[in-house]
Amino acid sequence: MRNKTILIKAGPDGPVYSATAVDGTALARDLPSERFKLLHPELHGLVHNLIADTRETRLGPPVSAPPRIRKEMEREFDRELEHRRNLSD
């Protein structure tokens, strides 16, 4: 599954899942766990038992991520920040 990026974030009612293909195509965006599982069972199966690393407290992709992945994650973080700013205005 090295051809997809999965991002799990805290949502208002629990985790939400986003998935992106290598070419940048969005496969899922901010789906609750059950919906993500229904639409992408193979991806959900890979990540549903993972534990978040609480040491990663800064906003941004992990330093260990490959450059291409870091860039996509940075764009996702930027979109999320912009979205949150718009909600608070």
Foldseek 3Di string as FASTA:
>chain_A
DVQKDKDWDQDPVGIFIWMAGNVGHTPDDRHPLVVCCVSPVPVSVVPVPDDDDPVPDDQADDPPDPPSVRVSRRVVSVVVVVVVVVVVD
